[in-house]
Amino acid sequence: YEALSYTWGSDIIPEDITIGEQFKLKVRPNLHTALRYLKVPNRDLFLWVDAICINQSDSQEKSDQV
Protein backbone atom coordinates (compact mmCIF):
# COMPACT_ATOMS: atom_id res chain seq x y z
CA TYR A 1 0.00 0.00 0.00
CA GLU A 2 0.95 3.64 -0.28
CA ALA A 3 0.41 6.29 2.38
CA LEU A 4 -1.31 9.59 1.78
CA SER A 5 -1.50 12.32 4.40
CA TYR A 6 -4.49 14.53 3.74
CA THR A 7 -6.07 15.43 7.07
CA TRP A 8 -5.70 19.19 6.78
CA GLY A 9 -7.73 21.50 4.62
CA SER A 10 -11.11 23.11 4.63
CA ASP A 11 -13.98 21.50 6.52
CA ILE A 12 -16.52 23.03 4.17
CA ILE A 13 -18.57 21.11 1.64
CA PRO A 14 -17.33 17.54 2.07
CA GLU A 15 -17.28 15.35 -1.02
CA ASP A 16 -18.56 11.76 -1.24
CA ILE A 17 -16.29 8.85 -2.14
CA THR A 18 -17.14 5.18 -2.48
CA ILE A 19 -14.79 2.52 -1.16
CA GLY A 20 -15.30 -0.86 -2.75
CA GLU A 21 -18.78 -1.02 -4.15
CA GLN A 22 -20.93 -0.04 -1.17
CA PHE A 23 -19.09 1.90 1.55
CA LYS A 24 -19.61 5.67 1.19
CA LEU A 25 -17.62 8.26 3.09
CA LYS A 26 -17.42 12.05 3.15
CA VAL A 27 -13.94 13.55 2.71
CA ARG A 28 -12.53 17.05 2.40
CA PRO A 29 -12.31 18.53 -1.09
CA ASN A 30 -8.48 18.40 -1.21
CA LEU A 31 -8.45 14.65 -0.49
CA HIS A 32 -11.23 14.07 -3.02
CA THR A 33 -9.15 15.84 -5.68
CA ALA A 34 -6.01 13.87 -4.78
CA LEU A 35 -7.86 10.56 -5.01
CA ARG A 36 -9.30 11.48 -8.40
CA TYR A 37 -5.82 12.21 -9.76
CA LEU A 38 -4.30 9.04 -8.27
CA LYS A 39 -6.98 6.74 -9.69
CA VAL A 40 -5.80 4.57 -12.57
CA PRO A 41 -8.52 2.86 -14.65
CA ASN A 42 -8.66 -0.94 -14.35
CA ARG A 43 -6.13 -1.02 -11.52
CA ASP A 44 -6.66 -1.44 -7.79
CA LEU A 45 -5.07 1.21 -5.60
CA PHE A 46 -4.28 0.41 -1.98
CA LEU A 47 -3.90 3.51 0.17
CA TRP A 48 -3.55 4.27 3.85
CA VAL A 49 -5.01 7.76 4.26
CA ASP A 50 -4.69 9.43 7.65
CA ALA A 51 -7.95 11.35 7.21
CA ILE A 52 -9.77 8.02 6.79
CA CYS A 53 -7.72 5.55 8.85
CA ILE A 54 -7.20 7.68 11.99
CA ASN A 55 -10.14 8.77 14.12
CA GLN A 56 -9.75 12.53 13.72
CA SER A 57 -11.93 13.29 16.75
CA ASP A 58 -9.70 11.21 19.08
CA SER A 59 -6.66 13.26 20.18
CA GLN A 60 -4.96 10.25 21.76
CA GLU A 61 -5.26 8.13 18.61
CA LYS A 62 -3.97 10.97 16.44
CA SER A 63 -1.03 11.46 18.82
CA ASP A 64 -0.22 7.72 18.83
CA GLN A 65 -0.22 7.59 15.02
CA VAL A 66 2.09 10.58 14.59
PDB file of N, CA and C in Angstrom:
ATOM      1  N   TYR A   1       0.840  -1.187   0.000  1.00  0.00           N
ATOM      2  CA  TYR A   1       0.000   0.000   0.000  1.00  0.00           C
ATOM      3  C   TYR A   1       0.876   1.238   0.000  1.00  0.00           C
ATOM      4  N   GLU A   2       0.275   2.353  -0.314  1.00  0.00           N
ATOM      5  CA  GLU A   2       0.951   3.637  -0.277  1.00  0.00           C
ATOM      6  C   GLU A   2       0.240   4.498   0.760  1.00  0.00           C
ATOM      7  N   ALA A   3       0.980   5.419   1.362  1.00  0.00           N
ATOM      8  CA  ALA A   3       0.407   6.295   2.385  1.00  0.00           C
ATOM      9  C   ALA A   3       0.146   7.671   1.799  1.00  0.00           C
ATOM     10  N   LEU A   4      -0.943   8.258   2.227  1.00  0.00           N
ATOM     11  CA  LEU A   4      -1.314   9.590   1.779  1.00  0.00           C
ATOM     12  C   LEU A   4      -1.779  10.370   3.000  1.00  0.00           C
ATOM     13  N   SER A   5      -1.141  11.504   3.247  1.00  0.00           N
ATOM     14  CA  SER A   5      -1.501  12.323   4.401  1.00  0.00           C
ATOM     15  C   SER A   5      -2.313  13.514   3.919  1.00  0.00           C
ATOM     16  N   TYR A   6      -3.596  13.487   4.220  1.00  0.00           N
ATOM     17  CA  TYR A   6      -4.489  14.532   3.741  1.00  0.00           C
ATOM     18  C   TYR A   6      -5.527  14.918   4.770  1.00  0.00           C
ATOM     19  N   THR A   7      -5.130  15.052   6.023  1.00  0.00           N
ATOM     20  CA  THR A   7      -6.067  15.428   7.067  1.00  0.00           C
ATOM     21  C   THR A   7      -6.428  16.901   7.007  1.00  0.00           C
ATOM     22  N   TRP A   8      -5.469  17.751   6.720  1.00  0.00           N
ATOM     23  CA  TRP A   8      -5.699  19.185   6.779  1.00  0.00           C
ATOM     24  C   TRP A   8      -6.518  19.659   5.592  1.00  0.00           C
ATOM     25  N   GLY A   9      -6.941  20.909   5.696  1.00  0.00           N
ATOM     26  CA  GLY A   9      -7.733  21.496   4.620  1.00  0.00           C
ATOM     27  C   GLY A   9      -9.071  21.985   5.144  1.00  0.00           C
ATOM     28  N   SER A  10      -9.830  22.523   4.287  1.00  0.00           N
ATOM     29  CA  SER A  10     -11.110  23.111   4.631  1.00  0.00           C
ATOM     30  C   SER A  10     -12.118  22.051   5.059  1.00  0.00           C
ATOM     31  N   ASP A  11     -12.909  22.387   6.058  1.00  0.00           N
ATOM     32  CA  ASP A  11     -13.981  21.496   6.518  1.00  0.00           C
ATOM     33  C   ASP A  11     -15.268  21.711   5.718  1.00  0.00           C
ATOM     34  N   ILE A  12     -15.275  22.705   4.865  1.00  0.00           N
ATOM     35  CA  ILE A  12     -16.523  23.033   4.172  1.00  0.00           C
ATOM     36  C   ILE A  12     -16.798  22.082   3.008  1.00  0.00           C
ATOM     37  N   ILE A  13     -18.049  21.873   2.769  1.00  0.00           N
ATOM     38  CA  ILE A  13     -18.569  21.106   1.637  1.00  0.00           C
ATOM     39  C   ILE A  13     -17.806  19.799   1.414  1.00  0.00           C
ATOM     40  N   PRO A  14     -17.991  18.824   2.296  1.00  0.00           N
ATOM     41  CA  PRO A  14     -17.326  17.540   2.074  1.00  0.00           C
ATOM     42  C   PRO A  14     -17.840  16.855   0.808  1.00  0.00           C
ATOM     43  N   GLU A  15     -16.964  16.079   0.208  1.00  0.00           N
ATOM     44  CA  GLU A  15     -17.284  15.352  -1.024  1.00  0.00           C
ATOM     45  C   GLU A  15     -17.495  13.882  -0.681  1.00  0.00           C
ATOM     46  N   ASP A  16     -18.315  13.196  -1.444  1.00  0.00           N
ATOM     47  CA  ASP A  16     -18.555  11.764  -1.243  1.00  0.00           C
ATOM     48  C   ASP A  16     -17.568  10.935  -2.047  1.00  0.00           C
ATOM     49  N   ILE A  17     -17.063   9.858  -1.421  1.00  0.00           N
ATOM     50  CA  ILE A  17     -16.295   8.854  -2.142  1.00  0.00           C
ATOM     51  C   ILE A  17     -16.922   7.498  -1.838  1.00  0.00           C
ATOM     52  N   THR A  18     -16.676   6.543  -2.696  1.00  0.00           N
ATOM     53  CA  THR A  18     -17.142   5.182  -2.484  1.00  0.00           C
ATOM     54  C   THR A  18     -15.931   4.269  -2.405  1.00  0.00           C
ATOM     55  N   ILE A  19     -15.878   3.477  -1.357  1.00  0.00           N
ATOM     56  CA  ILE A  19     -14.793   2.517  -1.157  1.00  0.00           C
ATOM     57  C   ILE A  19     -15.371   1.140  -1.427  1.00  0.00           C
ATOM     58  N   GLY A  20     -14.723   0.406  -2.324  1.00  0.00           N
ATOM     59  CA  GLY A  20     -15.304  -0.858  -2.749  1.00  0.00           C
ATOM     60  C   GLY A  20     -16.533  -0.545  -3.587  1.00  0.00           C
ATOM     61  N   GLU A  21     -17.574  -1.276  -3.369  1.00  0.00           N
ATOM     62  CA  GLU A  21     -18.782  -1.021  -4.147  1.00  0.00           C
ATOM     63  C   GLU A  21     -19.918  -0.446  -3.320  1.00  0.00           C
ATOM     64  N   GLN A  22     -19.784  -0.443  -1.977  1.00  0.00           N
ATOM     65  CA  GLN A  22     -20.931  -0.037  -1.170  1.00  0.00           C
ATOM     66  C   GLN A  22     -20.628   0.975  -0.074  1.00  0.00           C
ATOM     67  N   PHE A  23     -19.397   1.057   0.405  1.00  0.00           N
ATOM     68  CA  PHE A  23     -19.086   1.904   1.550  1.00  0.00           C
ATOM     69  C   PHE A  23     -18.871   3.341   1.089  1.00  0.00           C
ATOM     70  N   LYS A  24     -19.735   4.255   1.551  1.00  0.00           N
ATOM     71  CA  LYS A  24     -19.614   5.668   1.187  1.00  0.00           C
ATOM     72  C   LYS A  24     -19.084   6.464   2.375  1.00  0.00           C
ATOM     73  N   LEU A  25     -18.282   7.460   2.061  1.00  0.00           N
ATOM     74  CA  LEU A  25     -17.621   8.256   3.085  1.00  0.00           C
ATOM     75  C   LEU A  25     -17.494   9.687   2.592  1.00  0.00           C
ATOM     76  N   LYS A  26     -17.618  10.648   3.494  1.00  0.00           N
ATOM     77  CA  LYS A  26     -17.418  12.051   3.148  1.00  0.00           C
ATOM     78  C   LYS A  26     -15.972  12.432   3.471  1.00  0.00           C
ATOM     79  N   VAL A  27     -15.323  13.110   2.524  1.00  0.00           N
ATOM     80  CA  VAL A  27     -13.938  13.551   2.713  1.00  0.00           C
ATOM     81  C   VAL A  27     -13.836  15.017   2.314  1.00  0.00           C
ATOM     82  N   ARG A  28     -12.756  15.651   2.750  1.00  0.00           N
ATOM     83  CA  ARG A  28     -12.535  17.048   2.401  1.00  0.00           C
ATOM     84  C   ARG A  28     -12.215  17.176   0.913  1.00  0.00           C
ATOM     85  N   PRO A  29     -12.516  18.338   0.350  1.00  0.00           N
ATOM     86  CA  PRO A  29     -12.307  18.526  -1.089  1.00  0.00           C
ATOM     87  C   PRO A  29     -10.877  18.253  -1.557  1.00  0.00           C
ATOM     88  N   ASN A  30      -9.861  18.616  -0.757  1.00  0.00           N
ATOM     89  CA  ASN A  30      -8.482  18.398  -1.208  1.00  0.00           C
ATOM     90  C   ASN A  30      -8.154  16.909  -1.314  1.00  0.00           C
ATOM     91  N   LEU A  31      -8.665  16.088  -0.405  1.00  0.00           N
ATOM     92  CA  LEU A  31      -8.454  14.648  -0.490  1.00  0.00           C
ATOM     93  C   LEU A  31      -9.217  14.071  -1.677  1.00  0.00           C
ATOM     94  N   HIS A  32     -10.425  14.529  -1.878  1.00  0.00           N
ATOM     95  CA  HIS A  32     -11.227  14.068  -3.018  1.00  0.00           C
ATOM     96  C   HIS A  32     -10.470  14.323  -4.331  1.00  0.00           C
ATOM     97  N   THR A  33      -9.906  15.498  -4.471  1.00  0.00           N
ATOM     98  CA  THR A  33      -9.146  15.839  -5.679  1.00  0.00           C
ATOM     99  C   THR A  33      -7.922  14.943  -5.819  1.00  0.00           C
ATOM    100  N   ALA A  34      -7.187  14.734  -4.733  1.00  0.00           N
ATOM    101  CA  ALA A  34      -6.005  13.870  -4.784  1.00  0.00           C
ATOM    102  C   ALA A  34      -6.374  12.456  -5.207  1.00  0.00           C
ATOM    103  N   LEU A  35      -7.446  11.916  -4.659  1.00  0.00           N
ATOM    104  CA  LEU A  35      -7.863  10.557  -5.006  1.00  0.00           C
ATOM    105  C   LEU A  35      -8.274  10.457  -6.473  1.00  0.00           C
ATOM    106  N   ARG A  36      -8.927  11.482  -6.986  1.00  0.00           N
ATOM    107  CA  ARG A  36      -9.305  11.477  -8.399  1.00  0.00           C
ATOM    108  C   ARG A  36      -8.071  11.422  -9.299  1.00  0.00           C
ATOM    109  N   TYR A  37      -7.027  12.177  -8.941  1.00  0.00           N
ATOM    110  CA  TYR A  37      -5.819  12.205  -9.760  1.00  0.00           C
ATOM    111  C   TYR A  37      -4.986  10.934  -9.622  1.00  0.00           C
ATOM    112  N   LEU A  38      -5.069  10.259  -8.481  1.00  0.00           N
ATOM    113  CA  LEU A  38      -4.298   9.039  -8.266  1.00  0.00           C
ATOM    114  C   LEU A  38      -4.957   7.811  -8.890  1.00  0.00           C
ATOM    115  N   LYS A  39      -6.238   7.890  -9.154  1.00  0.00           N
ATOM    116  CA  LYS A  39      -6.979   6.739  -9.685  1.00  0.00           C
ATOM    117  C   LYS A  39      -6.483   6.378 -11.088  1.00  0.00           C
ATOM    118  N   VAL A  40      -6.208   5.097 -11.265  1.00  0.00           N
ATOM    119  CA  VAL A  40      -5.803   4.566 -12.566  1.00  0.00           C
ATOM    120  C   VAL A  40      -6.885   3.577 -13.006  1.00  0.00           C
ATOM    121  N   PRO A  41      -7.460   3.768 -14.188  1.00  0.00           N
ATOM    122  CA  PRO A  41      -8.518   2.856 -14.648  1.00  0.00           C
ATOM    123  C   PRO A  41      -8.043   1.399 -14.694  1.00  0.00           C
ATOM    124  N   ASN A  42      -8.921   0.510 -14.298  1.00  0.00           N
ATOM    125  CA  ASN A  42      -8.663  -0.941 -14.348  1.00  0.00           C
ATOM    126  C   ASN A  42      -7.495  -1.385 -13.478  1.00  0.00           C
ATOM    127  N   ARG A  43      -7.208  -0.648 -12.435  1.00  0.00           N
ATOM    128  CA  ARG A  43      -6.126  -1.024 -11.519  1.00  0.00           C
ATOM    129  C   ARG A  43      -6.551  -0.711 -10.093  1.00  0.00           C
ATOM    130  N   ASP A  44      -6.372  -1.686  -9.197  1.00  0.00           N
ATOM    131  CA  ASP A  44      -6.664  -1.444  -7.787  1.00  0.00           C
ATOM    132  C   ASP A  44      -5.585  -0.546  -7.201  1.00  0.00           C
ATOM    133  N   LEU A  45      -5.991   0.311  -6.281  1.00  0.00           N
ATOM    134  CA  LEU A  45      -5.073   1.210  -5.603  1.00  0.00           C
ATOM    135  C   LEU A  45      -5.271   1.013  -4.108  1.00  0.00           C
ATOM    136  N   PHE A  46      -4.213   0.648  -3.417  1.00  0.00           N
ATOM    137  CA  PHE A  46      -4.280   0.407  -1.983  1.00  0.00           C
ATOM    138  C   PHE A  46      -3.602   1.564  -1.270  1.00  0.00           C
ATOM    139  N   LEU A  47      -4.411   2.332  -0.530  1.00  0.00           N
ATOM    140  CA  LEU A  47      -3.901   3.513   0.166  1.00  0.00           C
ATOM    141  C   LEU A  47      -4.203   3.440   1.651  1.00  0.00           C
ATOM    142  N   TRP A  48      -3.308   3.996   2.437  1.00  0.00           N
ATOM    143  CA  TRP A  48      -3.552   4.266   3.849  1.00  0.00           C
ATOM    144  C   TRP A  48      -3.608   5.780   3.926  1.00  0.00           C
ATOM    145  N   VAL A  49      -4.805   6.314   4.231  1.00  0.00           N
ATOM    146  CA  VAL A  49      -5.009   7.764   4.256  1.00  0.00           C
ATOM    147  C   VAL A  49      -5.332   8.177   5.683  1.00  0.00           C
ATOM    148  N   ASP A  50      -4.498   9.057   6.252  1.00  0.00           N
ATOM    149  CA  ASP A  50      -4.685   9.433   7.651  1.00  0.00           C
ATOM    150  C   ASP A  50      -6.079   9.988   7.926  1.00  0.00           C
ATOM    151  N   ALA A  51      -6.621  10.758   7.008  1.00  0.00           N
ATOM    152  CA  ALA A  51      -7.947  11.346   7.211  1.00  0.00           C
ATOM    153  C   ALA A  51      -9.040  10.293   7.302  1.00  0.00           C
ATOM    154  N   ILE A  52      -8.781   9.104   6.764  1.00  0.00           N
ATOM    155  CA  ILE A  52      -9.767   8.023   6.791  1.00  0.00           C
ATOM    156  C   ILE A  52      -9.416   6.991   7.859  1.00  0.00           C
ATOM    157  N   CYS A  53      -8.142   6.662   7.989  1.00  0.00           N
ATOM    158  CA  CYS A  53      -7.723   5.551   8.852  1.00  0.00           C
ATOM    159  C   CYS A  53      -7.526   5.937  10.317  1.00  0.00           C
ATOM    160  N   ILE A  54      -7.375   7.221  10.604  1.00  0.00           N
ATOM    161  CA  ILE A  54      -7.201   7.682  11.986  1.00  0.00           C
ATOM    162  C   ILE A  54      -8.474   8.413  12.411  1.00  0.00           C
ATOM    163  N   ASN A  55      -8.973   8.082  13.584  1.00  0.00           N
ATOM    164  CA  ASN A  55     -10.141   8.772  14.124  1.00  0.00           C
ATOM    165  C   ASN A  55      -9.742  10.209  14.437  1.00  0.00           C
ATOM    166  N   GLN A  56     -10.165  11.140  13.593  1.00  0.00           N
ATOM    167  CA  GLN A  56      -9.750  12.534  13.718  1.00  0.00           C
ATOM    168  C   GLN A  56     -10.349  13.238  14.933  1.00  0.00           C
ATOM    169  N   SER A  57     -11.346  12.671  15.557  1.00  0.00           N
ATOM    170  CA  SER A  57     -11.928  13.291  16.755  1.00  0.00           C
ATOM    171  C   SER A  57     -11.326  12.726  18.039  1.00  0.00           C
ATOM    172  N   ASP A  58     -10.352  11.821  17.919  1.00  0.00           N
ATOM    173  CA  ASP A  58      -9.701  11.210  19.083  1.00  0.00           C
ATOM    174  C   ASP A  58      -8.258  11.697  19.167  1.00  0.00           C
ATOM    175  N   SER A  59      -8.002  12.659  20.053  1.00  0.00           N
ATOM    176  CA  SER A  59      -6.661  13.255  20.180  1.00  0.00           C
ATOM    177  C   SER A  59      -5.594  12.224  20.520  1.00  0.00           C
ATOM    178  N   GLN A  60      -5.929  11.277  21.372  1.00  0.00           N
ATOM    179  CA  GLN A  60      -4.962  10.252  21.757  1.00  0.00           C
ATOM    180  C   GLN A  60      -4.577   9.382  20.565  1.00  0.00           C
ATOM    181  N   GLU A  61      -5.553   8.951  19.795  1.00  0.00           N
ATOM    182  CA  GLU A  61      -5.259   8.127  18.612  1.00  0.00           C
ATOM    183  C   GLU A  61      -4.413   8.896  17.605  1.00  0.00           C
ATOM    184  N   LYS A  62      -4.761  10.163  17.386  1.00  0.00           N
ATOM    185  CA  LYS A  62      -3.968  10.972  16.443  1.00  0.00           C
ATOM    186  C   LYS A  62      -2.540  11.099  16.946  1.00  0.00           C
ATOM    187  N   SER A  63      -2.357  11.335  18.238  1.00  0.00           N
ATOM    188  CA  SER A  63      -1.026  11.464  18.815  1.00  0.00           C
ATOM    189  C   SER A  63      -0.237  10.162  18.692  1.00  0.00           C
ATOM    190  N   ASP A  64      -0.879   9.034  18.938  1.00  0.00           N
ATOM    191  CA  ASP A  64      -0.217   7.720  18.830  1.00  0.00           C
ATOM    192  C   ASP A  64       0.230   7.443  17.396  1.00  0.00           C
ATOM    193  N   GLN A  65      -0.534   7.873  16.419  1.00  0.00           N
ATOM    194  CA  GLN A  65      -0.218   7.589  15.023  1.00  0.00           C
ATOM    195  C   GLN A  65       0.889   8.479  14.480  1.00  0.00           C
ATOM    196  N   VAL A  66       1.035   9.664  15.046  1.00  0.00           N
ATOM    197  CA  VAL A  66       2.087  10.578  14.593  1.00  0.00           C
ATOM    198  C   VAL A  66       3.363  10.145  15.212  1.00  0.00           C
TER     199      VAL A  66
END
